[in-house]
Amino acid sequence: MLQNRNNSMIRQMVYGSMFGALTAIGAFIVIPLQPVPITLQTLFTGLAGILLGGYTGALSQIIYVILGVIGLPVFAGGKAGLGTLLGPSGGYLIGFIVAAYIIGKIAESRREAGPVWIVISLIIGNLVIYTFGTLQLSLLAHLSMGKALLAGVVPFLVGDLIKLAATVFISIKLLKRINPSCSESTTTYKIGTK
C-alpha cells in the first residue's frame, strides 16, 4: 500500500514537472497575432488541469513559477525573478496555479467529460487567470479596473479563444490515446487520477 502511494506521488511529481517545463516552453512559443502576439503558456496550463487533475495540475504551475522566481528566464518575454511575480503582470502567473487547480477539479468532477465540459472548465480557468491578473495589474499599475481590463484582458481575447479551441482538441486526442475505449463525444479523465 505504501509503495503504491509512493509510486503515485512520484508519478505526480514527474507529470507536474513535465507540464511545468511545457508551460515554460510555451512562454517562448510566440504566435504573431494582432493586436498582440500570444504565447502558449495558458494552453499548457489548461492541458495540465484537464490531463493531470486539480492537485497535480496546480503543482505543475507551481513548479513553473518557482523556476522563474529562482532566476530561470521562463516567463513571457524571457523575464525571471521574484520582481516579475510581484510586479504588475505577476497576478497572471498566480492565476495559472489557481486556474490549473480549478480546471482539474472541474474535469475530475465528471467521470466522462465531453468537449462541452472541457470547454466550460477552460472558460472558468481563463476567467480565474484574468481575475488574478487584472486585480494585480490594477493595484500595482494604479489603473482603474476598466483600464486594467482594457490593457490586460481585451487584447488577448482572440488569442485565448484560439488557444481554448486548440486545448480542447489536443486534450480530447490525448485522453483518447490514454484510454482508447473513449468515444469521440466523451473522454475519460485518466492521467492524473490517484
N, C-alpha and C. Protein backbone atom coordinates (compact mmCIF):
# COMPACT_ATOMS: atom_id res chain seq x y z
N MET A 1 0.83 -1.20 0.00
CA MET A 1 0.00 0.00 0.00
C MET A 1 0.87 1.26 0.00
N LEU A 2 1.88 1.28 0.89
CA LEU A 2 2.76 2.44 0.97
C LEU A 2 3.55 2.61 -0.33
N GLN A 3 3.99 1.50 -0.92
CA GLN A 3 4.74 1.59 -2.17
C GLN A 3 3.86 2.15 -3.29
N ASN A 4 2.60 1.73 -3.36
CA ASN A 4 1.67 2.28 -4.36
C ASN A 4 1.50 3.78 -4.16
N ARG A 5 1.40 4.19 -2.91
CA ARG A 5 1.26 5.63 -2.61
C ARG A 5 2.52 6.39 -3.04
N ASN A 6 3.70 5.82 -2.76
CA ASN A 6 4.95 6.46 -3.16
C ASN A 6 5.06 6.54 -4.68
N ASN A 7 4.67 5.46 -5.38
CA ASN A 7 4.68 5.47 -6.84
C ASN A 7 3.74 6.53 -7.39
N SER A 8 2.59 6.66 -6.76
CA SER A 8 1.62 7.68 -7.19
C SER A 8 2.20 9.08 -7.00
N MET A 9 2.87 9.30 -5.87
CA MET A 9 3.47 10.61 -5.61
C MET A 9 4.60 10.91 -6.60
N ILE A 10 5.40 9.90 -6.90
CA ILE A 10 6.49 10.08 -7.86
C ILE A 10 5.91 10.38 -9.24
N ARG A 11 4.87 9.66 -9.62
CA ARG A 11 4.22 9.89 -10.92
C ARG A 11 3.67 11.32 -10.99
N GLN A 12 3.04 11.78 -9.92
CA GLN A 12 2.52 13.15 -9.89
C GLN A 12 3.64 14.17 -10.04
N MET A 13 4.77 13.92 -9.36
CA MET A 13 5.90 14.85 -9.48
C MET A 13 6.46 14.86 -10.90
N VAL A 14 6.54 13.69 -11.53
CA VAL A 14 7.06 13.62 -12.90
C VAL A 14 6.12 14.36 -13.85
N TYR A 15 4.82 14.06 -13.77
CA TYR A 15 3.87 14.74 -14.65
C TYR A 15 3.83 16.24 -14.36
N GLY A 16 3.87 16.60 -13.08
CA GLY A 16 3.86 18.01 -12.72
C GLY A 16 5.08 18.73 -13.26
N SER A 17 6.24 18.10 -13.13
CA SER A 17 7.48 18.69 -13.65
C SER A 17 7.43 18.82 -15.16
N MET A 18 6.90 17.79 -15.82
CA MET A 18 6.81 17.82 -17.28
C MET A 18 5.92 18.98 -17.75
N PHE A 19 4.77 19.14 -17.14
CA PHE A 19 3.89 20.23 -17.56
C PHE A 19 4.39 21.59 -17.11
N GLY A 20 5.14 21.64 -16.02
CA GLY A 20 5.81 22.90 -15.65
C GLY A 20 6.81 23.30 -16.72
N ALA A 21 7.57 22.32 -17.20
CA ALA A 21 8.54 22.58 -18.28
C ALA A 21 7.83 22.96 -19.58
N LEU A 22 6.71 22.30 -19.88
CA LEU A 22 5.96 22.64 -21.09
C LEU A 22 5.41 24.06 -21.02
N THR A 23 4.97 24.47 -19.84
CA THR A 23 4.49 25.85 -19.69
C THR A 23 5.63 26.83 -19.91
N ALA A 24 6.81 26.50 -19.41
CA ALA A 24 7.99 27.35 -19.64
C ALA A 24 8.31 27.43 -21.12
N ILE A 25 8.26 26.31 -21.81
CA ILE A 25 8.49 26.31 -23.26
C ILE A 25 7.42 27.13 -23.96
N GLY A 26 6.18 27.02 -23.48
CA GLY A 26 5.08 27.78 -24.06
C GLY A 26 5.28 29.28 -24.00
N ALA A 27 6.05 29.75 -23.02
CA ALA A 27 6.34 31.19 -22.93
C ALA A 27 7.21 31.66 -24.08
N PHE A 28 7.95 30.74 -24.69
CA PHE A 28 8.85 31.10 -25.78
C PHE A 28 8.23 30.87 -27.17
N ILE A 29 7.10 30.19 -27.21
CA ILE A 29 6.42 29.98 -28.49
C ILE A 29 5.49 31.16 -28.71
N VAL A 30 5.84 32.00 -29.66
CA VAL A 30 5.08 33.23 -29.90
C VAL A 30 4.37 33.13 -31.24
N ILE A 31 3.07 33.36 -31.20
CA ILE A 31 2.27 33.40 -32.43
C ILE A 31 1.97 34.86 -32.73
N PRO A 32 2.45 35.37 -33.87
CA PRO A 32 2.32 36.82 -34.15
C PRO A 32 0.92 37.21 -34.63
N LEU A 33 -0.01 37.33 -33.67
CA LEU A 33 -1.36 37.80 -33.98
C LEU A 33 -1.47 39.28 -33.66
N GLN A 34 -2.49 39.91 -34.22
CA GLN A 34 -2.77 41.31 -33.93
C GLN A 34 -3.97 41.38 -33.00
N PRO A 35 -4.10 42.26 -32.05
CA PRO A 35 -3.20 43.40 -31.81
C PRO A 35 -1.94 43.05 -31.02
N VAL A 36 -1.92 41.87 -30.36
CA VAL A 36 -0.72 41.49 -29.62
C VAL A 36 -0.37 40.04 -29.93
N PRO A 37 0.92 39.71 -29.98
CA PRO A 37 1.28 38.31 -30.15
C PRO A 37 0.90 37.50 -28.93
N ILE A 38 0.69 36.22 -29.11
CA ILE A 38 0.32 35.38 -27.97
C ILE A 38 1.37 34.31 -27.75
N THR A 39 1.46 33.87 -26.49
CA THR A 39 2.31 32.75 -26.13
C THR A 39 1.41 31.57 -25.77
N LEU A 40 2.00 30.42 -25.57
CA LEU A 40 1.21 29.21 -25.31
C LEU A 40 1.19 28.77 -23.85
N GLN A 41 1.53 29.67 -22.94
CA GLN A 41 1.52 29.30 -21.53
C GLN A 41 0.15 28.81 -21.08
N THR A 42 -0.91 29.55 -21.41
CA THR A 42 -2.23 29.17 -20.93
C THR A 42 -2.73 27.89 -21.59
N LEU A 43 -2.25 27.57 -22.78
CA LEU A 43 -2.60 26.30 -23.40
C LEU A 43 -2.10 25.16 -22.53
N PHE A 44 -0.85 25.24 -22.08
CA PHE A 44 -0.29 24.17 -21.26
C PHE A 44 -0.87 24.19 -19.84
N THR A 45 -1.26 25.37 -19.36
CA THR A 45 -1.94 25.43 -18.06
C THR A 45 -3.26 24.67 -18.13
N GLY A 46 -4.02 24.91 -19.20
CA GLY A 46 -5.29 24.21 -19.37
C GLY A 46 -5.12 22.71 -19.55
N LEU A 47 -4.15 22.33 -20.37
CA LEU A 47 -3.88 20.90 -20.56
C LEU A 47 -3.47 20.24 -19.24
N ALA A 48 -2.67 20.94 -18.45
CA ALA A 48 -2.25 20.38 -17.16
C ALA A 48 -3.46 20.10 -16.29
N GLY A 49 -4.38 21.05 -16.21
CA GLY A 49 -5.58 20.85 -15.40
C GLY A 49 -6.42 19.69 -15.90
N ILE A 50 -6.65 19.65 -17.21
CA ILE A 50 -7.52 18.61 -17.77
C ILE A 50 -6.88 17.23 -17.66
N LEU A 51 -5.62 17.12 -18.00
CA LEU A 51 -4.97 15.81 -18.05
C LEU A 51 -4.46 15.32 -16.70
N LEU A 52 -4.08 16.24 -15.83
CA LEU A 52 -3.46 15.84 -14.56
C LEU A 52 -4.40 15.95 -13.37
N GLY A 53 -5.46 16.73 -13.50
CA GLY A 53 -6.35 16.94 -12.37
C GLY A 53 -5.94 18.17 -11.57
N GLY A 54 -6.73 18.47 -10.57
CA GLY A 54 -6.53 19.70 -9.81
C GLY A 54 -5.21 19.79 -9.08
N TYR A 55 -4.92 18.80 -8.26
CA TYR A 55 -3.72 18.86 -7.43
C TYR A 55 -2.45 18.87 -8.29
N THR A 56 -2.31 17.90 -9.17
CA THR A 56 -1.08 17.79 -9.96
C THR A 56 -1.00 18.90 -11.01
N GLY A 57 -2.14 19.32 -11.54
CA GLY A 57 -2.15 20.46 -12.47
C GLY A 57 -1.62 21.71 -11.80
N ALA A 58 -2.10 21.98 -10.59
CA ALA A 58 -1.61 23.15 -9.84
C ALA A 58 -0.14 22.99 -9.50
N LEU A 59 0.27 21.78 -9.14
CA LEU A 59 1.68 21.51 -8.84
C LEU A 59 2.56 21.85 -10.04
N SER A 60 2.10 21.51 -11.24
CA SER A 60 2.89 21.81 -12.44
C SER A 60 3.12 23.31 -12.60
N GLN A 61 2.10 24.09 -12.27
CA GLN A 61 2.22 25.53 -12.42
C GLN A 61 3.04 26.15 -11.29
N ILE A 62 2.98 25.54 -10.11
CA ILE A 62 3.85 25.97 -9.01
C ILE A 62 5.32 25.75 -9.41
N ILE A 63 5.59 24.60 -10.01
CA ILE A 63 6.96 24.31 -10.47
C ILE A 63 7.39 25.35 -11.50
N TYR A 64 6.50 25.67 -12.44
CA TYR A 64 6.80 26.68 -13.46
C TYR A 64 7.14 28.03 -12.81
N VAL A 65 6.30 28.46 -11.88
CA VAL A 65 6.52 29.76 -11.23
C VAL A 65 7.81 29.74 -10.42
N ILE A 66 8.09 28.66 -9.72
CA ILE A 66 9.33 28.56 -8.94
C ILE A 66 10.54 28.66 -9.86
N LEU A 67 10.49 28.00 -11.01
CA LEU A 67 11.61 28.09 -11.97
C LEU A 67 11.88 29.54 -12.34
N GLY A 68 10.83 30.30 -12.57
CA GLY A 68 11.00 31.71 -12.92
C GLY A 68 11.47 32.55 -11.76
N VAL A 69 10.94 32.28 -10.58
CA VAL A 69 11.31 33.07 -9.40
C VAL A 69 12.78 32.87 -9.03
N ILE A 70 13.31 31.65 -9.23
CA ILE A 70 14.71 31.42 -8.87
C ILE A 70 15.68 31.96 -9.91
N GLY A 71 15.14 32.50 -11.00
CA GLY A 71 16.00 33.20 -11.94
C GLY A 71 16.08 32.63 -13.34
N LEU A 72 15.43 31.50 -13.61
CA LEU A 72 15.44 30.99 -14.98
C LEU A 72 14.50 31.86 -15.82
N PRO A 73 14.90 32.27 -17.00
CA PRO A 73 14.08 33.19 -17.81
C PRO A 73 12.93 32.48 -18.52
N VAL A 74 11.97 31.97 -17.73
CA VAL A 74 10.89 31.16 -18.29
C VAL A 74 9.56 31.90 -18.39
N PHE A 75 9.51 33.12 -17.90
CA PHE A 75 8.27 33.88 -18.03
C PHE A 75 8.22 34.52 -19.41
N ALA A 76 7.05 34.96 -19.81
CA ALA A 76 6.88 35.56 -21.14
C ALA A 76 7.90 36.67 -21.35
N GLY A 77 8.45 36.72 -22.54
CA GLY A 77 9.46 37.73 -22.86
C GLY A 77 10.82 37.44 -22.26
N GLY A 78 11.04 36.23 -21.75
CA GLY A 78 12.32 35.88 -21.17
C GLY A 78 12.56 36.50 -19.81
N LYS A 79 11.50 36.93 -19.14
CA LYS A 79 11.65 37.54 -17.81
C LYS A 79 11.82 36.46 -16.75
N ALA A 80 12.35 36.89 -15.61
CA ALA A 80 12.56 35.98 -14.49
C ALA A 80 12.65 36.78 -13.21
N GLY A 81 12.61 36.10 -12.09
CA GLY A 81 12.83 36.73 -10.80
C GLY A 81 11.56 37.00 -10.02
N LEU A 82 11.74 37.20 -8.73
CA LEU A 82 10.63 37.50 -7.83
C LEU A 82 9.95 38.80 -8.21
N GLY A 83 10.72 39.75 -8.75
CA GLY A 83 10.15 41.04 -9.16
C GLY A 83 9.05 40.88 -10.20
N THR A 84 9.20 39.90 -11.09
CA THR A 84 8.16 39.65 -12.10
C THR A 84 6.89 39.14 -11.43
N LEU A 85 7.04 38.21 -10.49
CA LEU A 85 5.88 37.67 -9.79
C LEU A 85 5.17 38.75 -8.97
N LEU A 86 5.95 39.65 -8.37
CA LEU A 86 5.36 40.70 -7.53
C LEU A 86 5.03 41.96 -8.32
N GLY A 87 5.34 41.97 -9.62
CA GLY A 87 5.10 43.13 -10.46
C GLY A 87 3.69 43.15 -11.02
N PRO A 88 3.40 44.12 -11.89
CA PRO A 88 2.05 44.30 -12.44
C PRO A 88 1.50 43.07 -13.17
N SER A 89 2.35 42.27 -13.80
CA SER A 89 1.85 41.11 -14.54
C SER A 89 1.91 39.81 -13.73
N GLY A 90 2.36 39.88 -12.50
CA GLY A 90 2.51 38.68 -11.69
C GLY A 90 1.22 37.99 -11.32
N GLY A 91 0.13 38.73 -11.32
CA GLY A 91 -1.16 38.12 -10.99
C GLY A 91 -1.56 37.03 -11.98
N TYR A 92 -1.14 37.21 -13.23
CA TYR A 92 -1.44 36.17 -14.22
C TYR A 92 -0.72 34.88 -13.87
N LEU A 93 0.51 34.98 -13.39
CA LEU A 93 1.28 33.80 -13.01
C LEU A 93 0.62 33.08 -11.83
N ILE A 94 0.18 33.84 -10.85
CA ILE A 94 -0.54 33.25 -9.72
C ILE A 94 -1.84 32.62 -10.22
N GLY A 95 -2.48 33.31 -11.16
CA GLY A 95 -3.71 32.79 -11.76
C GLY A 95 -3.51 31.46 -12.45
N PHE A 96 -2.33 31.22 -13.04
CA PHE A 96 -2.06 29.94 -13.68
C PHE A 96 -2.21 28.80 -12.68
N ILE A 97 -1.69 28.99 -11.48
CA ILE A 97 -1.73 27.95 -10.45
C ILE A 97 -3.18 27.66 -10.06
N VAL A 98 -3.91 28.72 -9.74
CA VAL A 98 -5.30 28.56 -9.30
C VAL A 98 -6.15 28.00 -10.44
N ALA A 99 -5.94 28.50 -11.65
CA ALA A 99 -6.72 28.04 -12.81
C ALA A 99 -6.49 26.56 -13.08
N ALA A 100 -5.24 26.11 -13.04
CA ALA A 100 -4.96 24.68 -13.29
C ALA A 100 -5.67 23.82 -12.25
N TYR A 101 -5.68 24.29 -11.00
CA TYR A 101 -6.37 23.56 -9.94
C TYR A 101 -7.87 23.48 -10.22
N ILE A 102 -8.47 24.61 -10.54
CA ILE A 102 -9.92 24.66 -10.77
C ILE A 102 -10.30 23.87 -12.02
N ILE A 103 -9.55 24.04 -13.11
CA ILE A 103 -9.81 23.27 -14.33
C ILE A 103 -9.75 21.79 -14.02
N GLY A 104 -8.73 21.38 -13.28
CA GLY A 104 -8.58 19.97 -12.93
C GLY A 104 -9.71 19.47 -12.06
N LYS A 105 -10.13 20.26 -11.10
CA LYS A 105 -11.23 19.84 -10.22
C LYS A 105 -12.53 19.71 -11.00
N ILE A 106 -12.76 20.63 -11.95
CA ILE A 106 -13.96 20.52 -12.78
C ILE A 106 -13.87 19.25 -13.63
N ALA A 107 -12.71 19.00 -14.22
CA ALA A 107 -12.54 17.79 -15.04
C ALA A 107 -12.70 16.53 -14.20
N GLU A 108 -12.21 16.55 -12.98
CA GLU A 108 -12.32 15.39 -12.09
C GLU A 108 -13.76 15.14 -11.64
N SER A 109 -14.58 16.18 -11.67
CA SER A 109 -15.94 16.05 -11.15
C SER A 109 -16.85 15.21 -12.04
N ARG A 110 -16.40 14.93 -13.24
CA ARG A 110 -17.17 14.09 -14.16
C ARG A 110 -16.35 12.89 -14.58
N ARG A 111 -16.93 11.74 -14.49
CA ARG A 111 -16.22 10.53 -14.92
C ARG A 111 -15.92 10.60 -16.41
N GLU A 112 -16.89 11.03 -17.18
CA GLU A 112 -16.69 11.19 -18.62
C GLU A 112 -16.96 12.64 -18.99
N ALA A 113 -15.91 13.35 -19.33
CA ALA A 113 -16.03 14.76 -19.67
C ALA A 113 -15.94 14.91 -21.18
N GLY A 114 -17.03 15.33 -21.78
CA GLY A 114 -17.05 15.57 -23.22
C GLY A 114 -16.49 16.94 -23.53
N PRO A 115 -16.46 17.29 -24.81
CA PRO A 115 -15.90 18.58 -25.23
C PRO A 115 -16.57 19.78 -24.56
N VAL A 116 -17.89 19.71 -24.36
CA VAL A 116 -18.59 20.84 -23.74
C VAL A 116 -18.10 21.04 -22.31
N TRP A 117 -17.95 19.95 -21.58
CA TRP A 117 -17.49 20.04 -20.18
C TRP A 117 -16.06 20.58 -20.12
N ILE A 118 -15.23 20.16 -21.07
CA ILE A 118 -13.85 20.65 -21.12
C ILE A 118 -13.84 22.14 -21.45
N VAL A 119 -14.68 22.57 -22.40
CA VAL A 119 -14.77 24.00 -22.74
C VAL A 119 -15.19 24.81 -21.52
N ILE A 120 -16.18 24.32 -20.79
CA ILE A 120 -16.64 25.04 -19.58
C ILE A 120 -15.50 25.18 -18.58
N SER A 121 -14.76 24.09 -18.35
CA SER A 121 -13.66 24.15 -17.38
C SER A 121 -12.59 25.15 -17.83
N LEU A 122 -12.29 25.18 -19.13
CA LEU A 122 -11.26 26.10 -19.63
C LEU A 122 -11.72 27.55 -19.58
N ILE A 123 -12.99 27.79 -19.86
CA ILE A 123 -13.50 29.17 -19.76
C ILE A 123 -13.41 29.66 -18.33
N ILE A 124 -13.83 28.82 -17.40
CA ILE A 124 -13.72 29.20 -15.98
C ILE A 124 -12.26 29.43 -15.60
N GLY A 125 -11.37 28.56 -16.06
CA GLY A 125 -9.94 28.72 -15.78
C GLY A 125 -9.40 30.03 -16.34
N ASN A 126 -9.78 30.37 -17.57
CA ASN A 126 -9.33 31.65 -18.14
C ASN A 126 -9.87 32.83 -17.35
N LEU A 127 -11.12 32.73 -16.90
CA LEU A 127 -11.68 33.82 -16.07
C LEU A 127 -10.90 33.99 -14.78
N VAL A 128 -10.45 32.88 -14.21
CA VAL A 128 -9.63 32.93 -12.99
C VAL A 128 -8.32 33.66 -13.28
N ILE A 129 -7.66 33.29 -14.39
CA ILE A 129 -6.40 33.94 -14.76
C ILE A 129 -6.62 35.43 -14.99
N TYR A 130 -7.67 35.77 -15.72
CA TYR A 130 -7.99 37.19 -15.96
C TYR A 130 -8.23 37.94 -14.66
N THR A 131 -8.94 37.30 -13.73
CA THR A 131 -9.27 37.96 -12.46
C THR A 131 -8.01 38.26 -11.66
N PHE A 132 -7.17 37.26 -11.45
CA PHE A 132 -5.94 37.48 -10.70
C PHE A 132 -5.03 38.50 -11.40
N GLY A 133 -4.90 38.34 -12.71
CA GLY A 133 -4.03 39.24 -13.47
C GLY A 133 -4.52 40.67 -13.46
N THR A 134 -5.81 40.86 -13.67
CA THR A 134 -6.37 42.21 -13.73
C THR A 134 -6.31 42.89 -12.37
N LEU A 135 -6.59 42.15 -11.31
CA LEU A 135 -6.53 42.75 -9.97
C LEU A 135 -5.12 43.24 -9.63
N GLN A 136 -4.12 42.40 -9.87
CA GLN A 136 -2.75 42.81 -9.56
C GLN A 136 -2.30 43.94 -10.48
N LEU A 137 -2.65 43.87 -11.76
CA LEU A 137 -2.31 44.94 -12.69
C LEU A 137 -2.93 46.26 -12.25
N SER A 138 -4.20 46.21 -11.86
CA SER A 138 -4.90 47.41 -11.42
C SER A 138 -4.25 48.01 -10.17
N LEU A 139 -3.94 47.15 -9.20
CA LEU A 139 -3.36 47.64 -7.94
C LEU A 139 -1.95 48.20 -8.13
N LEU A 140 -1.10 47.46 -8.84
CA LEU A 140 0.31 47.85 -8.92
C LEU A 140 0.59 48.90 -9.99
N ALA A 141 -0.23 48.94 -11.03
CA ALA A 141 -0.03 49.95 -12.07
C ALA A 141 -0.93 51.17 -11.83
N HIS A 142 -1.68 51.14 -10.74
CA HIS A 142 -2.57 52.25 -10.37
C HIS A 142 -3.54 52.57 -11.50
N LEU A 143 -4.19 51.52 -12.01
CA LEU A 143 -5.18 51.66 -13.07
C LEU A 143 -6.56 51.34 -12.51
N SER A 144 -7.57 51.97 -13.09
CA SER A 144 -8.94 51.59 -12.74
C SER A 144 -9.15 50.17 -13.26
N MET A 145 -10.17 49.49 -12.76
CA MET A 145 -10.45 48.14 -13.22
C MET A 145 -10.77 48.14 -14.72
N GLY A 146 -11.47 49.16 -15.18
CA GLY A 146 -11.79 49.25 -16.60
C GLY A 146 -10.54 49.35 -17.45
N LYS A 147 -9.61 50.20 -17.03
CA LYS A 147 -8.36 50.35 -17.79
C LYS A 147 -7.51 49.09 -17.70
N ALA A 148 -7.52 48.45 -16.54
CA ALA A 148 -6.76 47.20 -16.38
C ALA A 148 -7.34 46.12 -17.29
N LEU A 149 -8.66 46.05 -17.40
CA LEU A 149 -9.29 45.08 -18.31
C LEU A 149 -8.92 45.39 -19.76
N LEU A 150 -8.94 46.67 -20.12
CA LEU A 150 -8.59 47.04 -21.49
C LEU A 150 -7.13 46.72 -21.81
N ALA A 151 -6.26 46.86 -20.83
CA ALA A 151 -4.83 46.60 -21.06
C ALA A 151 -4.47 45.13 -20.89
N GLY A 152 -5.09 44.45 -19.93
CA GLY A 152 -4.64 43.11 -19.56
C GLY A 152 -5.52 41.96 -19.98
N VAL A 153 -6.69 42.25 -20.58
CA VAL A 153 -7.58 41.17 -21.00
C VAL A 153 -7.98 41.31 -22.46
N VAL A 154 -8.54 42.45 -22.81
CA VAL A 154 -9.12 42.64 -24.15
C VAL A 154 -8.15 42.30 -25.28
N PRO A 155 -6.90 42.75 -25.23
CA PRO A 155 -6.00 42.43 -26.35
C PRO A 155 -5.73 40.93 -26.53
N PHE A 156 -5.97 40.15 -25.49
CA PHE A 156 -5.64 38.72 -25.52
C PHE A 156 -6.82 37.81 -25.81
N LEU A 157 -8.03 38.37 -25.94
CA LEU A 157 -9.22 37.54 -26.07
C LEU A 157 -9.19 36.66 -27.33
N VAL A 158 -8.82 37.23 -28.47
CA VAL A 158 -8.81 36.44 -29.71
C VAL A 158 -7.81 35.29 -29.59
N GLY A 159 -6.62 35.58 -29.13
CA GLY A 159 -5.61 34.54 -28.96
C GLY A 159 -6.04 33.49 -27.96
N ASP A 160 -6.69 33.91 -26.87
CA ASP A 160 -7.13 32.95 -25.86
C ASP A 160 -8.25 32.05 -26.38
N LEU A 161 -9.11 32.58 -27.24
CA LEU A 161 -10.14 31.74 -27.86
C LEU A 161 -9.52 30.69 -28.77
N ILE A 162 -8.50 31.08 -29.52
CA ILE A 162 -7.79 30.13 -30.38
C ILE A 162 -7.12 29.05 -29.53
N LYS A 163 -6.47 29.48 -28.45
CA LYS A 163 -5.80 28.52 -27.56
C LYS A 163 -6.80 27.60 -26.88
N LEU A 164 -7.97 28.14 -26.53
CA LEU A 164 -9.00 27.32 -25.91
C LEU A 164 -9.44 26.21 -26.86
N ALA A 165 -9.69 26.57 -28.12
CA ALA A 165 -10.08 25.56 -29.11
C ALA A 165 -8.98 24.51 -29.29
N ALA A 166 -7.73 24.96 -29.35
CA ALA A 166 -6.61 24.03 -29.51
C ALA A 166 -6.48 23.12 -28.28
N THR A 167 -6.68 23.67 -27.11
CA THR A 167 -6.58 22.89 -25.87
C THR A 167 -7.64 21.80 -25.83
N VAL A 168 -8.86 22.15 -26.24
CA VAL A 168 -9.94 21.15 -26.27
C VAL A 168 -9.57 20.03 -27.24
N PHE A 169 -9.15 20.40 -28.43
CA PHE A 169 -8.79 19.40 -29.45
C PHE A 169 -7.67 18.50 -28.97
N ILE A 170 -6.60 19.10 -28.46
CA ILE A 170 -5.43 18.32 -28.01
C ILE A 170 -5.80 17.42 -26.84
N SER A 171 -6.54 17.97 -25.88
CA SER A 171 -6.87 17.17 -24.68
C SER A 171 -7.74 15.98 -25.05
N ILE A 172 -8.70 16.16 -25.96
CA ILE A 172 -9.55 15.03 -26.36
C ILE A 172 -8.71 13.97 -27.05
N LYS A 173 -7.81 14.40 -27.95
CA LYS A 173 -6.95 13.43 -28.64
C LYS A 173 -6.04 12.69 -27.66
N LEU A 174 -5.45 13.42 -26.70
CA LEU A 174 -4.56 12.77 -25.73
C LEU A 174 -5.32 11.83 -24.81
N LEU A 175 -6.49 12.26 -24.37
CA LEU A 175 -7.28 11.40 -23.49
C LEU A 175 -7.72 10.13 -24.21
N LYS A 176 -8.00 10.25 -25.49
CA LYS A 176 -8.36 9.05 -26.27
C LYS A 176 -7.17 8.11 -26.40
N ARG A 177 -5.97 8.65 -26.51
CA ARG A 177 -4.77 7.79 -26.61
C ARG A 177 -4.48 7.12 -25.26
N ILE A 178 -4.74 7.85 -24.19
CA ILE A 178 -4.53 7.30 -22.86
C ILE A 178 -5.54 6.19 -22.59
N ASN A 179 -6.78 6.41 -23.04
CA ASN A 179 -7.85 5.44 -22.84
C ASN A 179 -8.57 5.23 -24.17
N PRO A 180 -8.10 4.30 -24.99
CA PRO A 180 -8.66 4.09 -26.33
C PRO A 180 -10.14 3.73 -26.36
N SER A 181 -10.72 3.31 -25.23
CA SER A 181 -12.14 2.96 -25.22
C SER A 181 -13.05 4.18 -25.23
N CYS A 182 -12.46 5.39 -25.13
CA CYS A 182 -13.26 6.61 -25.16
C CYS A 182 -13.86 6.81 -26.54
N SER A 183 -15.09 7.29 -26.57
CA SER A 183 -15.71 7.64 -27.85
C SER A 183 -15.33 9.05 -28.22
N GLU A 184 -15.73 9.48 -29.41
CA GLU A 184 -15.43 10.84 -29.86
C GLU A 184 -16.11 11.88 -28.98
N SER A 185 -17.32 11.57 -28.50
CA SER A 185 -18.09 12.57 -27.78
C SER A 185 -17.77 12.63 -26.30
N THR A 186 -17.10 11.62 -25.77
CA THR A 186 -16.75 11.64 -24.35
C THR A 186 -15.31 11.23 -24.15
N THR A 187 -14.72 11.78 -23.13
CA THR A 187 -13.35 11.40 -22.78
C THR A 187 -13.33 11.06 -21.30
N THR A 188 -12.57 10.09 -20.94
CA THR A 188 -12.48 9.70 -19.55
C THR A 188 -11.23 10.33 -18.95
N TYR A 189 -11.42 11.03 -17.88
CA TYR A 189 -10.33 11.64 -17.16
C TYR A 189 -9.45 10.52 -16.63
N LYS A 190 -8.17 10.50 -16.97
CA LYS A 190 -7.37 9.32 -16.68
C LYS A 190 -6.00 9.61 -16.07
N ILE A 191 -5.21 10.45 -16.67
CA ILE A 191 -3.78 10.51 -16.39
C ILE A 191 -3.46 10.94 -14.95
N GLY A 192 -4.20 11.85 -14.39
CA GLY A 192 -3.85 12.39 -13.08
C GLY A 192 -4.57 11.74 -11.93
N THR A 193 -5.37 10.73 -12.17
CA THR A 193 -6.11 10.12 -11.08
C THR A 193 -5.19 9.34 -10.17
N LYS A 194 -5.58 9.24 -8.93
CA LYS A 194 -4.74 8.56 -7.94
C LYS A 194 -4.98 7.07 -7.98
